[in-house]
Amino acid sequence: AGPELARYADPQGRYPRATRANWNSPAASVDGFSRLDEIFPANTSARAAAPRPWRRPAAGTPVGAAVDDYLARNPVTGLLIARDEVILAERYQYGRGDAHRFTSFSMAGGLLALMAGIALQERRLRLDDPAQLYVPGLAGSPYGATPVRHLLTMSSGMRPRDDLTADDLEGMGLPGGWEAGGVRAARLYEERLAPPGERWHPSVGDAFVLGLVMRAVAGQPLCDFFSDRLWKPIGAEADASWILERGGQELGFTGFNAVLRDYGRLGALLARQGRVDFRQVVSAAWLRELTRAQVGARQTGRGWGYGYQTWVFTENDGSFAWLGERGQALMVDPARRLVLVQAAVRPQSRDAGIAETVALWQSLRRVHQPLRLPAG
């Protein structure tokens, strides 16, 4: 069950089977968003040999009524709330469950930013290098001359392409007519409005080219780099998947899929400043940069600041979010070690429902005060 069931299910309560032609339509989104890696070719990021266990509270939690009220009004397929690796709530709707791999859309940009931090530490990447240094096929193009740093902050200065056709978007986002490597798709963007770093605008193009760079920097399939550096270290319980472009490589900027509790494990890693027990999986210094408002809320005009592929709450207290189209969200408050993960099937890419998700998040932050955490 779930709200507005008639939008998502037939009169018998069955969810339409998604295909390559209709997976993104509201009517097929329940099925499509929870098994995208069965509809399109995908590579796998292997899970951990021994999953990191979650704890459950011995008694009830103070979030139950708020969660019930929220789910009754919002087309959420999965919602997980955790604090300090204790699951406070885990709910599913529309016939989904803990084995479904939910797609994340633009949230995948945050994963690219995490991998960029690891590559930086491994001296595979320098933020002020132009993209063409890593992707030679971009040489001579405006995107090729754009430093990696400004791809991370969505500040390339390139004119956004709101006029992209369905074929264009298919070529960038799904297996389609583009050549291997995706360089031809990147060259759809030819007009620069401002020098890199001077103008912010969220752009599929910036994230797409960042994905090309990270595929090159990894030196191996991106799914394997991600599995070895992040997925296994966090103790993932299930394999994750990455949708492939026509050339057989991971898209990177979108098309990542995982079960809800593993998204929660990613959130727990971020809440603990990149640590899992005594292992520093991601540099704490990098996470501070990633979650700092490199671009202020006034400049974004959206009530949020923006870091490295990451939305930053205006409180500037270290809390942040990864957001994906159609309601996907991961919200983290390191001071409270609080995590919210949401998979959803909102009918439109830009939906006012995000305000309700933020309101739920802020209510959770009011209930749970910052923890007294040991130094380091």
Protein backbone atom coordinates (compact mmCIF):
# COMPACT_ATOMS: atom_id res chain seq x y z
CA ALA A 1 0.00 0.00 0.00
CA GLY A 2 0.90 3.67 -0.19
CA PRO A 3 -0.71 7.05 -0.93
CA GLU A 4 -2.31 7.71 -4.33
CA LEU A 5 -2.21 4.01 -5.08
CA ALA A 6 -4.28 4.43 -8.26
CA ARG A 7 -1.41 6.41 -9.79
CA TYR A 8 1.03 3.51 -9.36
CA ALA A 9 -1.03 0.31 -9.43
CA ASP A 10 -3.84 -1.18 -11.50
CA PRO A 11 -7.33 -1.76 -9.98
CA GLN A 12 -6.18 -5.17 -8.73
CA GLY A 13 -3.30 -3.54 -6.83
CA ARG A 14 -0.62 -4.86 -9.19
CA TYR A 15 2.32 -2.68 -10.17
CA PRO A 16 2.90 -2.41 -13.95
CA ARG A 17 6.02 -4.11 -15.23
CA ALA A 18 8.62 -1.54 -16.28
CA THR A 19 10.35 -1.72 -19.66
CA ARG A 20 13.03 0.32 -21.39
CA ALA A 21 10.26 2.35 -22.97
CA ASN A 22 8.25 3.23 -19.85
CA TRP A 23 10.44 2.77 -16.74
CA ASN A 24 10.56 6.52 -16.05
CA SER A 25 6.80 7.07 -16.27
CA PRO A 26 4.91 7.46 -12.96
CA ALA A 27 2.77 4.41 -13.72
CA ALA A 28 5.81 2.11 -14.06
CA SER A 29 8.14 3.83 -11.61
CA VAL A 30 7.51 1.56 -8.61
CA ASP A 31 8.85 -1.40 -10.55
CA GLY A 32 11.32 0.56 -12.67
CA PHE A 33 13.04 2.42 -9.85
CA SER A 34 13.54 -0.77 -7.83
CA ARG A 35 15.02 -3.02 -10.52
CA LEU A 36 16.62 -0.70 -13.05
CA ASP A 37 19.62 -3.03 -13.24
CA GLU A 38 17.35 -5.75 -14.65
CA ILE A 39 15.99 -3.44 -17.33
CA PHE A 40 19.35 -2.08 -18.52
CA PRO A 41 22.83 -3.64 -18.58
CA ALA A 42 24.72 -3.09 -15.35
CA ASN A 43 27.99 -3.86 -13.61
CA THR A 44 28.11 -5.07 -10.03
CA SER A 45 29.96 -3.72 -7.00
CA ALA A 46 30.49 -6.76 -4.80
CA ARG A 47 29.24 -6.70 -1.22
CA ALA A 48 31.34 -7.29 1.88
CA ALA A 49 32.22 -10.82 2.92
CA ALA A 50 30.75 -10.11 6.36
CA PRO A 51 28.00 -7.45 6.46
CA ARG A 52 28.35 -4.81 9.15
CA PRO A 53 25.40 -5.39 11.51
CA TRP A 54 22.85 -2.76 12.36
CA ARG A 55 21.51 -2.50 15.88
CA ARG A 56 17.84 -2.14 16.75
CA PRO A 57 16.44 -0.27 19.77
CA ALA A 58 15.30 -2.43 22.67
CA ALA A 59 12.17 -0.30 23.10
CA GLY A 60 10.08 1.98 20.92
CA THR A 61 11.54 5.12 19.38
CA PRO A 62 10.16 8.67 19.40
CA VAL A 63 9.96 8.84 15.59
CA GLY A 64 7.18 6.34 14.87
CA ALA A 65 4.19 8.69 14.74
CA ALA A 66 6.00 11.27 12.61
CA VAL A 67 7.09 8.56 10.16
CA ASP A 68 3.57 7.11 9.93
CA ASP A 69 2.13 10.54 9.18
CA TYR A 70 4.81 11.28 6.59
CA LEU A 71 4.42 7.97 4.76
CA ALA A 72 0.64 8.38 4.61
CA ARG A 73 1.11 11.50 2.48
CA ASN A 74 4.24 10.83 0.42
CA PRO A 75 4.95 8.30 -2.38
CA VAL A 76 7.91 6.73 -0.61
CA THR A 77 8.98 3.20 -1.50
CA GLY A 78 11.55 2.93 1.29
CA LEU A 79 12.49 5.04 4.32
CA LEU A 80 15.28 4.37 6.82
CA ILE A 81 16.21 6.53 9.81
CA ALA A 82 19.27 5.64 11.88
CA ARG A 83 21.31 7.18 14.66
CA ASP A 84 24.80 6.05 15.59
CA GLU A 85 24.24 2.80 13.62
CA VAL A 86 20.95 2.04 15.38
CA ILE A 87 17.97 1.76 13.03
CA LEU A 88 15.14 3.86 14.45
CA ALA A 89 12.75 3.22 11.56
CA GLU A 90 12.77 1.09 8.42
CA ARG A 91 9.60 1.13 6.34
CA TYR A 92 8.58 0.11 2.83
CA GLN A 93 5.51 0.83 0.72
CA TYR A 94 4.05 -0.17 -2.65
CA GLY A 95 5.10 -3.79 -2.26
CA ARG A 96 8.82 -3.00 -1.98
CA GLY A 97 11.13 -4.62 0.57
CA ASP A 98 14.65 -4.92 1.90
CA ALA A 99 15.90 -6.93 -1.10
CA HIS A 100 14.98 -4.32 -3.71
CA ARG A 101 17.82 -2.28 -5.17
CA PHE A 102 16.56 1.29 -5.41
CA THR A 103 18.01 3.67 -7.97
CA SER A 104 19.48 6.96 -6.77
CA PHE A 105 19.52 9.23 -9.85
CA SER A 106 21.71 12.30 -9.12
CA MET A 107 22.67 11.06 -5.67
CA ALA A 108 25.34 9.12 -7.55
CA GLY A 109 27.24 12.39 -7.93
CA GLY A 110 27.98 12.21 -4.22
CA LEU A 111 29.56 8.80 -4.73
CA LEU A 112 31.75 10.26 -7.47
CA ALA A 113 32.82 12.96 -5.02
CA LEU A 114 33.73 10.34 -2.40
CA MET A 115 35.78 8.44 -4.97
CA ALA A 116 37.43 11.70 -6.04
CA GLY A 117 38.59 12.19 -2.46
CA ILE A 118 40.05 8.70 -2.37
CA ALA A 119 41.74 9.22 -5.75
CA LEU A 120 43.15 12.51 -4.47
CA GLN A 121 44.63 10.76 -1.45
CA GLU A 122 46.07 8.05 -3.69
CA ARG A 123 47.63 10.76 -5.92
CA ARG A 124 45.59 9.66 -8.90
CA LEU A 125 43.83 13.02 -9.21
CA ARG A 126 44.46 16.74 -8.75
CA LEU A 127 41.50 19.06 -8.43
CA ASP A 128 42.93 21.89 -10.48
CA ASP A 129 43.83 19.69 -13.45
CA PRO A 130 41.62 20.14 -16.53
CA ALA A 131 39.31 17.27 -17.38
CA GLN A 132 41.13 16.65 -20.68
CA LEU A 133 44.25 15.56 -18.80
CA TYR A 134 42.34 12.45 -17.74
CA VAL A 135 39.97 12.14 -20.72
CA PRO A 136 42.05 12.97 -23.84
CA GLY A 137 38.97 12.77 -26.04
CA LEU A 138 37.79 16.02 -24.45
CA ALA A 139 40.89 17.92 -25.63
CA GLY A 140 40.00 21.14 -27.38
CA SER A 141 36.47 21.29 -25.97
CA PRO A 142 35.23 23.74 -23.31
CA TYR A 143 34.59 20.89 -20.90
CA GLY A 144 38.06 19.55 -21.55
CA ALA A 145 39.52 22.83 -20.30
CA THR A 146 37.39 22.81 -17.13
CA PRO A 147 39.21 21.95 -13.88
CA VAL A 148 37.90 18.95 -11.96
CA ARG A 149 37.21 21.17 -8.94
CA HIS A 150 34.55 23.09 -10.84
CA LEU A 151 32.89 19.91 -12.07
CA LEU A 152 32.55 18.89 -8.42
CA THR A 153 30.88 22.18 -7.52
CA MET A 154 28.69 22.43 -10.65
CA SER A 155 30.52 25.63 -11.53
CA SER A 156 31.92 24.83 -14.97
CA GLY A 157 30.41 28.00 -16.40
CA MET A 158 28.96 26.07 -19.33
CA ARG A 159 25.51 26.95 -20.60
CA PRO A 160 23.02 24.36 -19.30
CA ARG A 161 21.22 22.50 -22.06
CA ASP A 162 17.54 22.64 -21.20
CA ASP A 163 16.81 21.93 -24.86
CA LEU A 164 18.31 18.45 -24.91
CA THR A 165 16.09 16.04 -26.81
CA ALA A 166 15.00 12.66 -25.55
CA ASP A 167 17.63 11.11 -27.81
CA ASP A 168 20.30 13.39 -26.31
CA LEU A 169 19.36 12.43 -22.78
CA GLU A 170 19.17 8.77 -23.70
CA GLY A 171 22.66 8.99 -25.09
CA MET A 172 23.98 10.53 -21.88
CA GLY A 173 21.94 8.60 -19.39
CA LEU A 174 21.12 5.22 -20.83
CA PRO A 175 22.50 2.78 -23.38
CA GLY A 176 21.86 4.55 -26.63
CA GLY A 177 23.51 5.97 -29.70
CA TRP A 178 26.69 7.43 -28.24
CA GLU A 179 30.13 6.09 -28.82
CA ALA A 180 32.02 4.32 -26.04
CA GLY A 181 33.47 6.72 -23.53
CA GLY A 182 30.69 9.26 -23.81
CA VAL A 183 32.92 12.01 -25.23
CA ARG A 184 30.54 12.77 -28.07
CA ALA A 185 27.74 13.42 -25.58
CA ALA A 186 29.94 15.82 -23.61
CA ARG A 187 30.50 17.82 -26.78
CA LEU A 188 26.80 18.70 -26.88
CA TYR A 189 27.87 21.50 -24.55
CA GLU A 190 29.81 24.09 -26.53
CA GLU A 191 28.88 27.49 -25.08
CA ARG A 192 30.61 28.87 -22.01
CA LEU A 193 28.75 31.61 -20.11
CA ALA A 194 31.45 32.34 -17.54
CA PRO A 195 34.98 31.25 -16.64
CA PRO A 196 35.12 28.07 -14.53
CA GLY A 197 34.33 28.78 -10.90
CA GLU A 198 32.49 32.06 -11.44
CA ARG A 199 28.94 30.87 -12.07
CA TRP A 200 27.02 28.04 -10.39
CA HIS A 201 24.30 26.07 -12.10
CA PRO A 202 23.29 22.43 -11.54
CA SER A 203 23.98 20.68 -14.82
CA VAL A 204 23.73 17.16 -16.11
CA GLY A 205 26.76 18.03 -18.21
CA ASP A 206 29.03 18.81 -15.24
CA ALA A 207 28.13 15.57 -13.49
CA PHE A 208 28.41 13.60 -16.73
CA VAL A 209 31.94 14.84 -17.43
CA LEU A 210 32.93 14.24 -13.79
CA GLY A 211 31.83 10.64 -14.32
CA LEU A 212 34.07 10.40 -17.39
CA VAL A 213 37.01 11.71 -15.35
CA MET A 214 36.45 9.29 -12.48
CA ARG A 215 36.14 6.33 -14.83
CA ALA A 216 39.54 7.27 -16.27
CA VAL A 217 41.13 7.98 -12.89
CA ALA A 218 40.04 4.67 -11.37
CA GLY A 219 42.29 2.69 -13.70
CA GLN A 220 39.84 -0.23 -13.47
CA PRO A 221 36.09 -0.61 -13.87
CA LEU A 222 34.45 2.02 -11.68
CA CYS A 223 32.30 -0.66 -10.05
CA ASP A 224 35.43 -2.47 -8.81
CA PHE A 225 37.14 0.71 -7.60
CA PHE A 226 33.98 1.59 -5.68
CA SER A 227 33.61 -1.91 -4.25
CA ASP A 228 37.22 -2.13 -3.04
CA ARG A 229 37.45 1.40 -1.63
CA LEU A 230 33.95 1.95 -0.25
CA TRP A 231 31.33 -0.79 -0.60
CA LYS A 232 33.23 -3.60 1.10
CA PRO A 233 34.77 -1.37 3.80
CA ILE A 234 31.34 -0.13 4.95
CA GLY A 235 30.17 -3.72 5.33
CA ALA A 236 27.53 -3.69 2.59
CA GLU A 237 25.10 -6.60 2.88
CA ALA A 238 24.15 -6.75 -0.81
CA ASP A 239 25.77 -6.15 -4.16
CA ALA A 240 25.22 -2.71 -5.66
CA SER A 241 24.95 -2.03 -9.38
CA TRP A 242 25.83 0.65 -11.93
CA ILE A 243 23.92 1.09 -15.18
CA LEU A 244 26.18 1.00 -18.25
CA GLU A 245 26.42 3.22 -21.28
CA ARG A 246 26.59 1.75 -24.74
CA GLY A 247 30.35 1.29 -24.58
CA GLY A 248 29.99 -1.02 -21.59
CA GLN A 249 31.30 1.40 -18.97
CA GLU A 250 29.47 2.72 -15.91
CA LEU A 251 27.63 5.97 -16.40
CA GLY A 252 28.88 7.17 -13.02
CA PHE A 253 26.81 10.33 -12.70
CA THR A 254 23.55 8.37 -12.41
CA GLY A 255 22.31 4.79 -12.49
CA PHE A 256 23.63 3.58 -9.10
CA ASN A 257 21.36 1.07 -7.32
CA ALA A 258 21.47 -0.41 -3.82
CA VAL A 259 19.30 -1.79 -1.04
CA LEU A 260 18.03 0.68 1.54
CA ARG A 261 20.13 -0.50 4.49
CA ASP A 262 23.32 -0.20 2.42
CA TYR A 263 22.48 3.40 1.56
CA GLY A 264 22.14 3.76 5.32
CA ARG A 265 25.62 2.29 5.80
CA LEU A 266 26.99 4.92 3.42
CA GLY A 267 25.24 7.55 5.50
CA ALA A 268 26.73 6.09 8.68
CA LEU A 269 30.21 6.33 7.13
CA LEU A 270 29.62 10.00 6.39
CA ALA A 271 28.17 10.61 9.85
CA ARG A 272 31.33 9.17 11.42
CA GLN A 273 33.65 11.45 9.42
CA GLY A 274 34.66 8.68 7.03
CA ARG A 275 35.56 6.06 9.63
CA VAL A 276 34.47 2.46 10.06
CA ASP A 277 35.69 1.36 13.48
CA PHE A 278 39.41 2.20 13.42
CA ARG A 279 39.74 2.43 9.64
CA GLN A 280 39.67 5.82 7.92
CA VAL A 281 37.91 4.87 4.68
CA VAL A 282 37.58 8.44 3.39
CA SER A 283 39.70 11.36 4.59
CA ALA A 284 37.92 13.42 7.25
CA ALA A 285 39.50 16.54 5.74
CA TRP A 286 38.01 15.66 2.35
CA LEU A 287 34.56 15.16 3.87
CA ARG A 288 34.77 18.58 5.49
CA GLU A 289 35.48 20.09 2.07
CA LEU A 290 32.84 17.97 0.37
CA THR A 291 30.16 19.09 2.84
CA ARG A 292 31.21 22.74 3.13
CA ALA A 293 29.20 25.31 1.19
CA GLN A 294 31.65 26.08 -1.60
CA VAL A 295 28.69 27.94 -3.14
CA GLY A 296 26.37 29.85 -0.79
CA ALA A 297 22.60 29.53 -0.58
CA ARG A 298 22.18 33.05 -1.95
CA GLN A 299 24.10 32.07 -5.06
CA THR A 300 22.19 28.81 -5.61
CA GLY A 301 18.87 30.56 -5.00
CA ARG A 302 17.41 27.32 -3.68
CA GLY A 303 17.71 27.68 0.07
CA TRP A 304 20.72 25.35 0.14
CA GLY A 305 24.44 25.79 -0.16
CA TYR A 306 26.44 23.48 -2.41
CA GLY A 307 29.68 21.63 -1.77
CA TYR A 308 31.23 18.88 -3.88
CA GLN A 309 28.19 17.22 -5.53
CA THR A 310 26.50 17.73 -2.16
CA TRP A 311 23.71 20.00 -0.91
CA VAL A 312 24.51 21.80 2.33
CA PHE A 313 21.86 22.88 4.85
CA THR A 314 21.85 26.61 5.53
CA GLU A 315 22.57 26.10 9.23
CA ASN A 316 26.18 25.48 8.14
CA ASP A 317 26.52 23.11 11.08
CA GLY A 318 27.90 20.20 9.07
CA SER A 319 24.56 18.68 8.04
CA PHE A 320 24.12 17.92 4.34
CA ALA A 321 22.20 15.92 1.77
CA TRP A 322 22.51 14.03 -1.49
CA LEU A 323 19.36 14.47 -3.54
CA GLY A 324 18.16 12.61 -6.62
CA GLU A 325 15.30 13.23 -8.99
CA ARG A 326 11.81 12.03 -8.10
CA GLY A 327 12.38 12.18 -4.33
CA GLN A 328 15.55 10.16 -3.71
CA ALA A 329 17.46 11.48 -0.68
CA LEU A 330 20.26 10.78 1.78
CA MET A 331 20.51 13.27 4.67
CA VAL A 332 23.29 13.23 7.25
CA ASP A 333 23.99 15.14 10.48
CA PRO A 334 27.45 14.13 11.76
CA ALA A 335 27.04 15.93 15.10
CA ARG A 336 23.99 13.80 15.87
CA ARG A 337 25.20 10.81 13.84
CA LEU A 338 21.76 10.94 12.33
CA VAL A 339 20.95 9.51 8.89
CA LEU A 340 17.80 9.53 6.75
CA VAL A 341 17.55 7.54 3.51
CA GLN A 342 14.57 7.76 1.21
CA ALA A 343 13.63 5.97 -2.00
CA ALA A 344 10.58 7.46 -3.68
CA VAL A 345 8.44 7.61 -6.81
CA ARG A 346 7.41 11.24 -6.92
CA PRO A 347 5.71 11.89 -10.26
CA GLN A 348 7.90 14.84 -11.29
CA SER A 349 11.64 15.46 -11.25
CA ARG A 350 11.25 18.72 -9.37
CA ASP A 351 8.60 18.11 -6.76
CA ALA A 352 7.56 20.34 -3.87
CA GLY A 353 7.50 17.21 -1.71
CA ILE A 354 11.17 17.75 -0.87
CA ALA A 355 9.93 20.40 1.57
CA GLU A 356 8.07 17.69 3.47
CA THR A 357 11.18 15.51 3.55
CA VAL A 358 13.21 18.41 4.93
CA ALA A 359 10.50 19.12 7.52
CA LEU A 360 10.65 15.49 8.68
CA TRP A 361 14.44 15.72 8.83
CA GLN A 362 14.38 18.91 10.88
CA SER A 363 11.87 17.37 13.29
CA LEU A 364 14.24 14.44 13.79
CA ARG A 365 17.09 16.84 14.49
CA ARG A 366 15.00 18.60 17.13
CA VAL A 367 14.23 15.30 18.87
CA HIS A 368 17.86 14.10 18.83
CA GLN A 369 20.40 16.47 20.29
CA PRO A 370 24.07 16.44 19.24
CA LEU A 371 26.06 13.60 20.76
CA ARG A 372 29.07 14.04 22.97
CA LEU A 373 31.62 12.45 20.71
CA PRO A 374 35.18 11.53 21.66
CA ALA A 375 37.88 13.62 20.05
CA GLY A 376 39.11 12.15 16.77
